[in-house]
Protein backbone atom coordinates (compact mmCIF):
# COMPACT_ATOMS: atom_id res chain seq x y z
CA MET A 1 -0.04 3.82 20.39
CA GLN A 2 -2.22 5.96 17.76
CA ARG A 3 -5.13 3.95 17.06
CA CYS A 4 -7.28 5.16 14.09
CA ARG A 5 -9.90 3.07 12.09
CA LEU A 6 -9.80 3.08 8.07
CA LYS A 7 -12.54 3.13 6.04
CA ASN A 8 -12.71 2.15 2.51
CA TRP A 9 -9.34 1.65 1.74
CA THR A 10 -6.80 0.19 -0.13
CA ALA A 11 -3.35 -2.02 -0.54
CA VAL A 12 -0.50 -0.56 -2.69
CA ARG A 13 2.89 -1.98 -2.53
CA ARG A 14 5.97 -0.28 -4.04
CA LEU A 15 9.18 -0.92 -4.35
CA SER A 16 11.57 0.72 -1.67
CA ARG A 17 14.60 1.61 -2.94
CA ARG A 18 16.56 2.54 0.04
CA THR A 19 15.97 -1.29 1.51
CA GLY A 20 15.30 -2.97 -2.00
CA GLN A 21 12.09 -4.74 -0.77
CA VAL A 22 8.56 -4.47 -1.08
CA GLN A 23 6.58 -2.37 1.00
CA GLU A 24 3.05 -2.87 2.53
CA TYR A 25 1.46 1.36 2.19
CA LEU A 26 -2.60 1.45 2.73
CA VAL A 27 -4.83 4.44 1.31
CA GLY A 28 -7.99 4.76 3.01
CA GLU A 29 -10.07 7.11 4.78
CA VAL A 30 -9.38 8.12 8.15
CA TYR A 31 -10.91 8.61 11.10
CA GLY A 32 -10.56 9.32 14.42
CA ASP A 33 -7.18 10.59 14.43
CA PRO A 34 -7.12 13.57 16.61
CA ASP A 35 -4.64 15.72 13.37
CA ARG A 36 -7.25 14.84 10.79
CA THR A 37 -10.95 15.35 9.66
CA ASP A 38 -12.45 12.21 9.83
CA GLY A 39 -13.06 11.15 6.84
CA SER A 40 -9.01 12.01 5.69
CA LEU A 41 -7.75 10.71 2.68
CA VAL A 42 -4.79 9.26 3.83
CA ARG A 43 -1.26 7.23 3.12
CA THR A 44 -0.17 5.77 5.79
CA THR A 45 3.74 5.15 6.35
CA HIS A 46 4.81 0.95 5.47
CA VAL A 47 3.06 -1.58 7.81
CA VAL A 48 5.04 -3.34 9.66
CA ARG A 49 2.38 -6.18 11.00
CA ARG A 50 -0.98 -7.06 9.69
CA ASP A 51 -3.44 -9.34 11.42
CA GLY A 52 -6.86 -9.83 10.13
CA ARG A 53 -8.42 -6.48 10.45
CA THR A 54 -5.93 -4.34 12.63
CA ALA A 55 -2.84 -3.13 10.78
CA VAL A 56 0.12 -1.07 12.52
CA THR A 57 2.43 0.82 10.56
CA ALA A 58 6.20 1.92 10.87
CA SER A 59 4.56 5.13 12.88
CA GLY A 60 3.74 3.32 15.31
CA THR A 61 -0.39 3.79 14.63
CA CYS A 62 -3.01 0.85 14.75
CA TYR A 63 -5.49 1.38 12.07
CA GLU A 64 -8.61 -1.46 12.78
CA LEU A 65 -9.80 -2.36 8.80
CA GLU A 66 -13.33 -1.67 7.42
CA GLN A 67 -14.84 -1.55 4.63
CA SER A 68 -11.88 -2.75 2.32
CA ASP A 69 -12.01 -0.99 -1.68
CA GLY A 70 -8.77 -3.62 -2.04
CA GLU A 71 -10.24 -6.50 -0.84
CA SER A 72 -13.17 -6.30 -3.31
CA GLN A 73 -11.26 -5.44 -6.05
CA LEU A 74 -8.81 -8.32 -5.82
CA THR A 75 -11.95 -10.69 -5.54
CA ALA A 76 -13.43 -9.36 -8.26
CA ARG A 77 -10.64 -9.28 -10.26
CA ARG A 78 -10.03 -13.45 -9.43
CA SER A 79 -13.22 -14.36 -10.55
CA THR A 80 -13.47 -12.77 -13.78
CA GLY A 81 -9.53 -14.50 -14.66
């Protein structure tokens, strides 16, 4: 299983036309991926398991999640709404 870090990430949820289920993807800056330059912007395959600061995607990549834009935006929306 490939392990990478994802910084400044946000979660994006989309309805799958194939399955009819909502799937979560992560978008952010990847570090430690041998196929990409550190800091490259990526969108993952859909998340199959997420536990605290770790997410595993359908491709089998395990991401360590750091500095989430998505969490800070969600917190800001809750506190102003």
